[in-house]
Amino acid sequence: MQTTEQKLTNTLQYSFLILWKEDKQKWVVDCQLLKIEIEADTYKDALDKLMLKLLRHKFSDDFFDLIELDKKDYLRE
């Protein structure tokens, strides 16, 4: 059985987290699965940088295989 932390980590690896970091006074965009971490001064800049990064990203076949594998696992639960 997975712990709550493991379930959260597994779920969030497919998410784009956009957070305000008070200590840095910046917006931070993070995606664990794609290994994306972006810092921006405004929310708009954060989204713009994320979209550009996604458009330029070279997705491997392994990436899509992993998504499909996990989709099957989620459907079984």
PDB file of N, CA and C in Angstrom:
ATOM      1  N   MET A   1       0.838  -1.177   0.000  1.00  0.00           N
ATOM      2  CA  MET A   1       0.000   0.000   0.000  1.00  0.00           C
ATOM      3  C   MET A   1       0.888   1.247   0.000  1.00  0.00           C
ATOM      4  N   GLN A   2       0.504   2.222  -0.804  1.00  0.00           N
ATOM      5  CA  GLN A   2       1.276   3.455  -0.902  1.00  0.00           C
ATOM      6  C   GLN A   2       0.935   4.407   0.237  1.00  0.00           C
ATOM      7  N   THR A   3       1.939   5.148   0.659  1.00  0.00           N
ATOM      8  CA  THR A   3       1.686   6.192   1.645  1.00  0.00           C
ATOM      9  C   THR A   3       1.048   7.378   0.931  1.00  0.00           C
ATOM     10  N   THR A   4       0.505   8.274   1.700  1.00  0.00           N
ATOM     11  CA  THR A   4      -0.096   9.479   1.121  1.00  0.00           C
ATOM     12  C   THR A   4       0.945  10.270   0.341  1.00  0.00           C
ATOM     13  N   GLU A   5       2.147  10.345   0.881  1.00  0.00           N
ATOM     14  CA  GLU A   5       3.220  11.081   0.203  1.00  0.00           C
ATOM     15  C   GLU A   5       3.554  10.444  -1.144  1.00  0.00           C
ATOM     16  N   GLN A   6       3.598   9.116  -1.203  1.00  0.00           N
ATOM     17  CA  GLN A   6       3.896   8.430  -2.464  1.00  0.00           C
ATOM     18  C   GLN A   6       2.789   8.665  -3.485  1.00  0.00           C
ATOM     19  N   LYS A   7       1.539   8.591  -3.036  1.00  0.00           N
ATOM     20  CA  LYS A   7       0.417   8.826  -3.949  1.00  0.00           C
ATOM     21  C   LYS A   7       0.449  10.251  -4.490  1.00  0.00           C
ATOM     22  N   LEU A   8       0.729  11.196  -3.594  1.00  0.00           N
ATOM     23  CA  LEU A   8       0.795  12.592  -4.010  1.00  0.00           C
ATOM     24  C   LEU A   8       1.931  12.800  -5.008  1.00  0.00           C
ATOM     25  N   THR A   9       3.083  12.236  -4.725  1.00  0.00           N
ATOM     26  CA  THR A   9       4.233  12.353  -5.622  1.00  0.00           C
ATOM     27  C   THR A   9       3.919  11.722  -6.973  1.00  0.00           C
ATOM     28  N   ASN A  10       3.311  10.549  -6.972  1.00  0.00           N
ATOM     29  CA  ASN A  10       2.959   9.875  -8.227  1.00  0.00           C
ATOM     30  C   ASN A  10       1.963  10.687  -9.035  1.00  0.00           C
ATOM     31  N   THR A  11       1.009  11.304  -8.364  1.00  0.00           N
ATOM     32  CA  THR A  11       0.008  12.107  -9.053  1.00  0.00           C
ATOM     33  C   THR A  11       0.610  13.399  -9.584  1.00  0.00           C
ATOM     34  N   LEU A  12       1.406  14.065  -8.751  1.00  0.00           N
ATOM     35  CA  LEU A  12       1.942  15.368  -9.134  1.00  0.00           C
ATOM     36  C   LEU A  12       3.032  15.289 -10.192  1.00  0.00           C
ATOM     37  N   GLN A  13       3.595  14.106 -10.420  1.00  0.00           N
ATOM     38  CA  GLN A  13       4.642  14.025 -11.436  1.00  0.00           C
ATOM     39  C   GLN A  13       4.103  14.365 -12.818  1.00  0.00           C
ATOM     40  N   TYR A  14       2.803  14.286 -13.004  1.00  0.00           N
ATOM     41  CA  TYR A  14       2.187  14.623 -14.288  1.00  0.00           C
ATOM     42  C   TYR A  14       1.639  16.043 -14.310  1.00  0.00           C
ATOM     43  N   SER A  15       1.823  16.761 -13.220  1.00  0.00           N
ATOM     44  CA  SER A  15       1.248  18.088 -13.088  1.00  0.00           C
ATOM     45  C   SER A  15       2.276  19.178 -13.336  1.00  0.00           C
ATOM     46  N   PHE A  16       1.760  20.315 -13.700  1.00  0.00           N
ATOM     47  CA  PHE A  16       2.568  21.520 -13.756  1.00  0.00           C
ATOM     48  C   PHE A  16       2.177  22.349 -12.544  1.00  0.00           C
ATOM     49  N   LEU A  17       3.093  22.492 -11.627  1.00  0.00           N
ATOM     50  CA  LEU A  17       2.839  23.295 -10.444  1.00  0.00           C
ATOM     51  C   LEU A  17       3.353  24.700 -10.705  1.00  0.00           C
ATOM     52  N   ILE A  18       2.491  25.677 -10.499  1.00  0.00           N
ATOM     53  CA  ILE A  18       2.890  27.073 -10.642  1.00  0.00           C
ATOM     54  C   ILE A  18       2.686  27.720  -9.285  1.00  0.00           C
ATOM     55  N   LEU A  19       3.803  28.016  -8.645  1.00  0.00           N
ATOM     56  CA  LEU A  19       3.772  28.506  -7.273  1.00  0.00           C
ATOM     57  C   LEU A  19       4.470  29.850  -7.154  1.00  0.00           C
ATOM     58  N   TRP A  20       3.983  30.673  -6.233  1.00  0.00           N
ATOM     59  CA  TRP A  20       4.667  31.919  -5.901  1.00  0.00           C
ATOM     60  C   TRP A  20       5.639  31.630  -4.774  1.00  0.00           C
ATOM     61  N   LYS A  21       6.909  31.923  -4.997  1.00  0.00           N
ATOM     62  CA  LYS A  21       7.945  31.726  -3.977  1.00  0.00           C
ATOM     63  C   LYS A  21       8.239  33.078  -3.337  1.00  0.00           C
ATOM     64  N   GLU A  22       7.750  33.235  -2.129  1.00  0.00           N
ATOM     65  CA  GLU A  22       7.900  34.505  -1.418  1.00  0.00           C
ATOM     66  C   GLU A  22       9.368  34.860  -1.203  1.00  0.00           C
ATOM     67  N   ASP A  23      10.178  33.860  -0.852  1.00  0.00           N
ATOM     68  CA  ASP A  23      11.590  34.135  -0.572  1.00  0.00           C
ATOM     69  C   ASP A  23      12.353  34.606  -1.812  1.00  0.00           C
ATOM     70  N   LYS A  24      11.947  34.130  -2.992  1.00  0.00           N
ATOM     71  CA  LYS A  24      12.606  34.537  -4.243  1.00  0.00           C
ATOM     72  C   LYS A  24      11.883  35.697  -4.926  1.00  0.00           C
ATOM     73  N   GLN A  25      10.630  35.933  -4.484  1.00  0.00           N
ATOM     74  CA  GLN A  25       9.778  36.934  -5.130  1.00  0.00           C
ATOM     75  C   GLN A  25       9.630  36.628  -6.619  1.00  0.00           C
ATOM     76  N   LYS A  26       9.393  35.341  -6.906  1.00  0.00           N
ATOM     77  CA  LYS A  26       9.253  34.878  -8.290  1.00  0.00           C
ATOM     78  C   LYS A  26       8.184  33.792  -8.360  1.00  0.00           C
ATOM     79  N   TRP A  27       7.635  33.645  -9.554  1.00  0.00           N
ATOM     80  CA  TRP A  27       6.780  32.509  -9.854  1.00  0.00           C
ATOM     81  C   TRP A  27       7.688  31.362 -10.271  1.00  0.00           C
ATOM     82  N   VAL A  28       7.388  30.166  -9.786  1.00  0.00           N
ATOM     83  CA  VAL A  28       8.176  28.987 -10.129  1.00  0.00           C
ATOM     84  C   VAL A  28       7.240  27.957 -10.756  1.00  0.00           C
ATOM     85  N   VAL A  29       7.618  27.477 -11.934  1.00  0.00           N
ATOM     86  CA  VAL A  29       6.870  26.427 -12.625  1.00  0.00           C
ATOM     87  C   VAL A  29       7.696  25.156 -12.534  1.00  0.00           C
ATOM     88  N   ASP A  30       7.044  24.066 -12.143  1.00  0.00           N
ATOM     89  CA  ASP A  30       7.769  22.815 -11.945  1.00  0.00           C
ATOM     90  C   ASP A  30       6.963  21.654 -12.516  1.00  0.00           C
ATOM     91  N   CYS A  31       7.646  20.770 -13.221  1.00  0.00           N
ATOM     92  CA  CYS A  31       7.059  19.511 -13.672  1.00  0.00           C
ATOM     93  C   CYS A  31       8.125  18.436 -13.508  1.00  0.00           C
ATOM     94  N   GLN A  32       7.902  17.529 -12.577  1.00  0.00           N
ATOM     95  CA  GLN A  32       8.889  16.491 -12.284  1.00  0.00           C
ATOM     96  C   GLN A  32       9.132  15.581 -13.475  1.00  0.00           C
ATOM     97  N   LEU A  33       8.074  15.155 -14.119  1.00  0.00           N
ATOM     98  CA  LEU A  33       8.198  14.175 -15.194  1.00  0.00           C
ATOM     99  C   LEU A  33       9.013  14.705 -16.374  1.00  0.00           C
ATOM    100  N   LEU A  34       8.793  15.955 -16.722  1.00  0.00           N
ATOM    101  CA  LEU A  34       9.508  16.546 -17.858  1.00  0.00           C
ATOM    102  C   LEU A  34      10.780  17.271 -17.442  1.00  0.00           C
ATOM    103  N   LYS A  35      11.050  17.250 -16.149  1.00  0.00           N
ATOM    104  CA  LYS A  35      12.249  17.914 -15.606  1.00  0.00           C
ATOM    105  C   LYS A  35      12.284  19.391 -16.006  1.00  0.00           C
ATOM    106  N   ILE A  36      11.145  20.046 -15.791  1.00  0.00           N
ATOM    107  CA  ILE A  36      11.020  21.465 -16.096  1.00  0.00           C
ATOM    108  C   ILE A  36      10.990  22.246 -14.791  1.00  0.00           C
ATOM    109  N   GLU A  37      11.831  23.244 -14.713  1.00  0.00           N
ATOM    110  CA  GLU A  37      11.777  24.197 -13.609  1.00  0.00           C
ATOM    111  C   GLU A  37      12.073  25.574 -14.182  1.00  0.00           C
ATOM    112  N   ILE A  38      11.117  26.463 -14.020  1.00  0.00           N
ATOM    113  CA  ILE A  38      11.196  27.794 -14.605  1.00  0.00           C
ATOM    114  C   ILE A  38      10.937  28.822 -13.508  1.00  0.00           C
ATOM    115  N   GLU A  39      11.651  29.925 -13.564  1.00  0.00           N
ATOM    116  CA  GLU A  39      11.384  31.048 -12.672  1.00  0.00           C
ATOM    117  C   GLU A  39      10.997  32.242 -13.529  1.00  0.00           C
ATOM    118  N   ALA A  40      10.010  33.009 -13.049  1.00  0.00           N
ATOM    119  CA  ALA A  40       9.562  34.185 -13.792  1.00  0.00           C
ATOM    120  C   ALA A  40       9.089  35.260 -12.816  1.00  0.00           C
ATOM    121  N   ASP A  41       9.156  36.500 -13.285  1.00  0.00           N
ATOM    122  CA  ASP A  41       8.738  37.620 -12.442  1.00  0.00           C
ATOM    123  C   ASP A  41       7.225  37.775 -12.390  1.00  0.00           C
ATOM    124  N   THR A  42       6.541  37.423 -13.477  1.00  0.00           N
ATOM    125  CA  THR A  42       5.082  37.548 -13.501  1.00  0.00           C
ATOM    126  C   THR A  42       4.459  36.202 -13.858  1.00  0.00           C
ATOM    127  N   TYR A  43       3.187  36.057 -13.519  1.00  0.00           N
ATOM    128  CA  TYR A  43       2.461  34.826 -13.835  1.00  0.00           C
ATOM    129  C   TYR A  43       2.392  34.644 -15.351  1.00  0.00           C
ATOM    130  N   LYS A  44       2.151  35.745 -16.055  1.00  0.00           N
ATOM    131  CA  LYS A  44       2.088  35.690 -17.518  1.00  0.00           C
ATOM    132  C   LYS A  44       3.411  35.184 -18.098  1.00  0.00           C
ATOM    133  N   ASP A  45       4.524  35.711 -17.599  1.00  0.00           N
ATOM    134  CA  ASP A  45       5.836  35.257 -18.075  1.00  0.00           C
ATOM    135  C   ASP A  45       6.059  33.780 -17.761  1.00  0.00           C
ATOM    136  N   ALA A  46       5.579  33.340 -16.609  1.00  0.00           N
ATOM    137  CA  ALA A  46       5.719  31.927 -16.233  1.00  0.00           C
ATOM    138  C   ALA A  46       4.988  31.039 -17.238  1.00  0.00           C
ATOM    139  N   LEU A  47       3.758  31.425 -17.587  1.00  0.00           N
ATOM    140  CA  LEU A  47       2.989  30.638 -18.563  1.00  0.00           C
ATOM    141  C   LEU A  47       3.619  30.702 -19.952  1.00  0.00           C
ATOM    142  N   ASP A  48       4.066  31.891 -20.350  1.00  0.00           N
ATOM    143  CA  ASP A  48       4.726  32.032 -21.658  1.00  0.00           C
ATOM    144  C   ASP A  48       5.964  31.142 -21.752  1.00  0.00           C
ATOM    145  N   LYS A  49       6.788  31.170 -20.719  1.00  0.00           N
ATOM    146  CA  LYS A  49       8.006  30.351 -20.712  1.00  0.00           C
ATOM    147  C   LYS A  49       7.677  28.863 -20.721  1.00  0.00           C
ATOM    148  N   LEU A  50       6.622  28.485 -19.995  1.00  0.00           N
ATOM    149  CA  LEU A  50       6.205  27.080 -19.973  1.00  0.00           C
ATOM    150  C   LEU A  50       5.755  26.633 -21.361  1.00  0.00           C
ATOM    151  N   MET A  51       4.930  27.435 -22.021  1.00  0.00           N
ATOM    152  CA  MET A  51       4.439  27.066 -23.350  1.00  0.00           C
ATOM    153  C   MET A  51       5.590  26.946 -24.345  1.00  0.00           C
ATOM    154  N   LEU A  52       6.523  27.881 -24.302  1.00  0.00           N
ATOM    155  CA  LEU A  52       7.683  27.800 -25.203  1.00  0.00           C
ATOM    156  C   LEU A  52       8.511  26.553 -24.926  1.00  0.00           C
ATOM    157  N   LYS A  53       8.694  26.248 -23.658  1.00  0.00           N
ATOM    158  CA  LYS A  53       9.469  25.066 -23.277  1.00  0.00           C
ATOM    159  C   LYS A  53       8.785  23.798 -23.804  1.00  0.00           C
ATOM    160  N   LEU A  54       7.463  23.730 -23.681  1.00  0.00           N
ATOM    161  CA  LEU A  54       6.726  22.553 -24.166  1.00  0.00           C
ATOM    162  C   LEU A  54       6.791  22.439 -25.686  1.00  0.00           C
ATOM    163  N   LEU A  55       6.681  23.566 -26.375  1.00  0.00           N
ATOM    164  CA  LEU A  55       6.742  23.538 -27.839  1.00  0.00           C
ATOM    165  C   LEU A  55       8.104  23.078 -28.343  1.00  0.00           C
ATOM    166  N   ARG A  56       9.147  23.399 -27.605  1.00  0.00           N
ATOM    167  CA  ARG A  56      10.507  23.041 -28.019  1.00  0.00           C
ATOM    168  C   ARG A  56      10.964  21.699 -27.466  1.00  0.00           C
ATOM    169  N   HIS A  57      10.184  21.131 -26.568  1.00  0.00           N
ATOM    170  CA  HIS A  57      10.601  19.902 -25.890  1.00  0.00           C
ATOM    171  C   HIS A  57      10.545  18.707 -26.846  1.00  0.00           C
ATOM    172  N   LYS A  58      11.569  17.903 -26.826  1.00  0.00           N
ATOM    173  CA  LYS A  58      11.608  16.668 -27.626  1.00  0.00           C
ATOM    174  C   LYS A  58      11.145  15.521 -26.727  1.00  0.00           C
ATOM    175  N   PHE A  59       9.899  15.115 -26.895  1.00  0.00           N
ATOM    176  CA  PHE A  59       9.343  14.044 -26.085  1.00  0.00           C
ATOM    177  C   PHE A  59       9.840  12.695 -26.603  1.00  0.00           C
ATOM    178  N   SER A  60      10.319  11.877 -25.713  1.00  0.00           N
ATOM    179  CA  SER A  60      10.797  10.547 -26.101  1.00  0.00           C
ATOM    180  C   SER A  60       9.628   9.568 -26.125  1.00  0.00           C
ATOM    181  N   ASP A  61       9.813   8.455 -26.801  1.00  0.00           N
ATOM    182  CA  ASP A  61       8.792   7.407 -26.801  1.00  0.00           C
ATOM    183  C   ASP A  61       8.591   6.857 -25.396  1.00  0.00           C
ATOM    184  N   ASP A  62       9.658   6.833 -24.609  1.00  0.00           N
ATOM    185  CA  ASP A  62       9.549   6.359 -23.226  1.00  0.00           C
ATOM    186  C   ASP A  62       8.566   7.202 -22.426  1.00  0.00           C
ATOM    187  N   PHE A  63       8.546   8.492 -22.697  1.00  0.00           N
ATOM    188  CA  PHE A  63       7.626   9.392 -22.007  1.00  0.00           C
ATOM    189  C   PHE A  63       6.182   8.942 -22.236  1.00  0.00           C
ATOM    190  N   PHE A  64       5.830   8.693 -23.488  1.00  0.00           N
ATOM    191  CA  PHE A  64       4.464   8.296 -23.808  1.00  0.00           C
ATOM    192  C   PHE A  64       4.153   6.891 -23.289  1.00  0.00           C
ATOM    193  N   ASP A  65       5.132   6.007 -23.341  1.00  0.00           N
ATOM    194  CA  ASP A  65       4.940   4.656 -22.802  1.00  0.00           C
ATOM    195  C   ASP A  65       4.661   4.702 -21.304  1.00  0.00           C
ATOM    196  N   LEU A  66       5.381   5.551 -20.598  1.00  0.00           N
ATOM    197  CA  LEU A  66       5.188   5.688 -19.155  1.00  0.00           C
ATOM    198  C   LEU A  66       3.791   6.213 -18.835  1.00  0.00           C
ATOM    199  N   ILE A  67       3.337   7.182 -19.595  1.00  0.00           N
ATOM    200  CA  ILE A  67       1.991   7.729 -19.395  1.00  0.00           C
ATOM    201  C   ILE A  67       0.948   6.635 -19.617  1.00  0.00           C
ATOM    202  N   GLU A  68       1.082   5.887 -20.693  1.00  0.00           N
ATOM    203  CA  GLU A  68       0.122   4.822 -20.992  1.00  0.00           C
ATOM    204  C   GLU A  68       0.135   3.735 -19.918  1.00  0.00           C
ATOM    205  N   LEU A  69       1.302   3.376 -19.433  1.00  0.00           N
ATOM    206  CA  LEU A  69       1.417   2.369 -18.385  1.00  0.00           C
ATOM    207  C   LEU A  69       0.697   2.823 -17.122  1.00  0.00           C
ATOM    208  N   ASP A  70       0.944   4.061 -16.718  1.00  0.00           N
ATOM    209  CA  ASP A  70       0.296   4.575 -15.512  1.00  0.00           C
ATOM    210  C   ASP A  70      -1.204   4.731 -15.700  1.00  0.00           C
ATOM    211  N   LYS A  71      -1.643   5.051 -16.909  1.00  0.00           N
ATOM    212  CA  LYS A  71      -3.078   5.167 -17.170  1.00  0.00           C
ATOM    213  C   LYS A  71      -3.753   3.830 -16.883  1.00  0.00           C
ATOM    214  N   LYS A  72      -3.127   2.755 -17.306  1.00  0.00           N
ATOM    215  CA  LYS A  72      -3.690   1.425 -17.060  1.00  0.00           C
ATOM    216  C   LYS A  72      -3.738   1.126 -15.569  1.00  0.00           C
ATOM    217  N   ASP A  73      -2.702   1.537 -14.836  1.00  0.00           N
ATOM    218  CA  ASP A  73      -2.687   1.332 -13.384  1.00  0.00           C
ATOM    219  C   ASP A  73      -3.810   2.101 -12.707  1.00  0.00           C
ATOM    220  N   TYR A  74      -4.053   3.332 -13.150  1.00  0.00           N
ATOM    221  CA  TYR A  74      -5.112   4.136 -12.547  1.00  0.00           C
ATOM    222  C   TYR A  74      -6.486   3.548 -12.829  1.00  0.00           C
ATOM    223  N   LEU A  75      -6.665   2.994 -14.013  1.00  0.00           N
ATOM    224  CA  LEU A  75      -7.962   2.426 -14.366  1.00  0.00           C
ATOM    225  C   LEU A  75      -8.278   1.177 -13.552  1.00  0.00           C
ATOM    226  N   ARG A  76      -7.248   0.483 -13.086  1.00  0.00           N
ATOM    227  CA  ARG A  76      -7.457  -0.724 -12.279  1.00  0.00           C
ATOM    228  C   ARG A  76      -7.873  -0.408 -10.852  1.00  0.00           C
ATOM    229  N   GLU A  77      -7.553   0.761 -10.360  1.00  0.00           N
ATOM    230  CA  GLU A  77      -7.838   1.094  -8.956  1.00  0.00           C
ATOM    231  C   GLU A  77      -9.307   1.324  -8.716  1.00  0.00           C
TER     232      GLU A  77
END
